[in-house]
Amino acid sequence: MINVNNFDTSHLVPLLKYTNQLFREQIEKLKGESQTCIKDISSLRTRSDFMVLVAMLAVCPEICGMQPLDLSATKTPQVLQDRQIIEVETELFIGPPDSRDTACPQNHKS
């Protein structure tokens, strides 16, 4: 039988310090890996959402009233340049608003 009172524990202190240090290092390593995994999952989720949107636009263009999306990689820049460009003129004015009297003369009573 081992007598606990006579057991030399002086060698246990450095061993415990060493194992605690190993555990701390492992915890820090795992924290870093978990942060990397969280970033990867976020990136995949963003890409997944984008791919779902692309698939919806390709399969169901009538939902948003767009032309069907051609996902083929065969388009050349020349084909894209040949598309008809329609210019639309608007009456957009950037500046301070006109006063009510001049903007709506039919509503102004003299």
Protein backbone atom coordinates (compact mmCIF):
# COMPACT_ATOMS: atom_id res chain seq x y z
CA MET A 1 0.00 0.00 0.00
CA ILE A 2 1.21 3.47 -0.88
CA ASN A 3 1.57 5.93 1.92
CA VAL A 4 0.20 9.26 0.65
CA ASN A 5 2.09 11.28 3.22
CA ASN A 6 5.45 10.04 1.93
CA PHE A 7 4.58 10.52 -1.76
CA ASP A 8 6.75 13.14 -3.46
CA THR A 9 4.46 15.60 -5.31
CA SER A 10 7.14 18.10 -6.34
CA HIS A 11 7.27 16.71 -9.87
CA LEU A 12 3.49 17.09 -10.31
CA VAL A 13 3.47 20.91 -10.24
CA PRO A 14 5.53 21.36 -13.44
CA LEU A 15 3.53 18.58 -15.08
CA LEU A 16 0.23 20.29 -14.22
CA LYS A 17 1.55 23.64 -15.49
CA TYR A 18 2.62 22.01 -18.73
CA THR A 19 -0.71 20.24 -19.28
CA ASN A 20 -2.62 23.46 -18.47
CA GLN A 21 -0.51 25.30 -21.04
CA LEU A 22 -1.24 22.60 -23.63
CA PHE A 23 -4.96 22.89 -22.90
CA ARG A 24 -4.86 26.70 -23.23
CA GLU A 25 -3.05 26.42 -26.57
CA GLN A 26 -5.56 23.85 -27.81
CA ILE A 27 -8.47 26.07 -26.73
CA GLU A 28 -7.00 29.07 -28.59
CA LYS A 29 -6.43 26.93 -31.67
CA LEU A 30 -10.03 25.69 -31.58
CA LYS A 31 -11.35 29.24 -31.10
CA GLY A 32 -9.46 30.30 -34.22
CA GLU A 33 -10.78 27.34 -36.17
CA SER A 34 -14.34 28.06 -35.04
CA GLN A 35 -14.03 31.69 -36.22
CA THR A 36 -12.79 30.43 -39.58
CA CYS A 37 -15.73 28.02 -39.78
CA ILE A 38 -18.19 30.81 -38.95
CA LYS A 39 -16.73 32.98 -41.74
CA ASP A 40 -16.87 30.05 -44.17
CA ILE A 41 -20.49 29.31 -43.29
CA SER A 42 -21.41 32.97 -43.73
CA SER A 43 -19.68 33.06 -47.10
CA LEU A 44 -21.40 29.85 -48.22
CA ARG A 45 -24.77 31.16 -47.07
CA THR A 46 -24.24 34.37 -49.07
CA ARG A 47 -23.17 32.41 -52.15
CA SER A 48 -26.08 30.02 -51.66
CA ASP A 49 -28.58 32.89 -51.45
CA PHE A 50 -27.07 34.39 -54.60
CA MET A 51 -27.24 31.07 -56.45
CA VAL A 52 -30.88 30.60 -55.44
CA LEU A 53 -31.63 34.06 -56.82
CA VAL A 54 -29.81 33.29 -60.07
CA ALA A 55 -31.67 30.00 -60.38
CA MET A 56 -35.01 31.70 -59.78
CA LEU A 57 -34.26 34.32 -62.42
CA ALA A 58 -33.18 31.63 -64.88
CA VAL A 59 -36.14 29.34 -64.30
CA CYS A 60 -38.94 31.78 -63.53
CA PRO A 61 -38.33 35.06 -65.38
CA GLU A 62 -42.05 35.76 -65.59
CA ILE A 63 -42.09 36.35 -61.84
CA CYS A 64 -40.12 39.55 -62.17
CA GLY A 65 -40.99 40.35 -65.79
CA MET A 66 -37.44 39.98 -67.06
CA GLN A 67 -36.13 38.22 -70.12
CA PRO A 68 -34.94 34.66 -69.42
CA LEU A 69 -31.41 34.62 -68.07
CA ASP A 70 -28.96 32.82 -70.35
CA LEU A 71 -26.50 31.04 -68.10
CA SER A 72 -24.41 29.64 -70.93
CA ALA A 73 -20.81 30.71 -71.07
CA THR A 74 -20.92 30.93 -74.87
CA LYS A 75 -21.80 34.62 -75.06
CA THR A 76 -19.09 36.84 -76.41
CA PRO A 77 -18.61 40.55 -75.79
CA GLN A 78 -19.75 41.17 -79.40
CA VAL A 79 -23.10 39.51 -78.72
CA LEU A 80 -23.54 41.68 -75.65
CA GLN A 81 -22.69 44.80 -77.66
CA ASP A 82 -25.30 43.91 -80.29
CA ARG A 83 -28.13 44.23 -77.79
CA GLN A 84 -30.42 47.14 -78.47
CA ILE A 85 -29.91 50.06 -76.10
CA ILE A 86 -32.96 52.20 -75.46
CA GLU A 87 -32.46 55.68 -74.05
CA VAL A 88 -35.25 57.15 -71.98
CA GLU A 89 -35.54 60.88 -71.34
CA THR A 90 -37.00 61.88 -68.00
CA GLU A 91 -37.94 65.22 -66.54
CA LEU A 92 -35.75 64.77 -63.50
CA PHE A 93 -34.64 68.07 -62.04
CA ILE A 94 -31.95 68.20 -59.41
CA GLY A 95 -32.15 71.36 -57.35
CA PRO A 96 -34.34 73.19 -54.88
CA PRO A 97 -38.08 72.67 -55.33
CA ASP A 98 -40.13 75.43 -56.96
CA SER A 99 -42.50 77.37 -54.76
CA ARG A 100 -46.10 76.16 -54.65
CA ASP A 101 -47.42 79.25 -56.44
CA THR A 102 -45.34 78.67 -59.58
CA ALA A 103 -45.41 74.89 -59.47
CA CYS A 104 -49.22 74.61 -59.42
CA PRO A 105 -50.67 77.76 -61.05
CA GLN A 106 -54.09 76.16 -61.61
CA ASN A 107 -54.54 75.79 -57.84
CA HIS A 108 -53.55 79.41 -57.15
CA LYS A 109 -56.45 81.79 -56.64
CA SER A 110 -55.86 85.49 -57.38
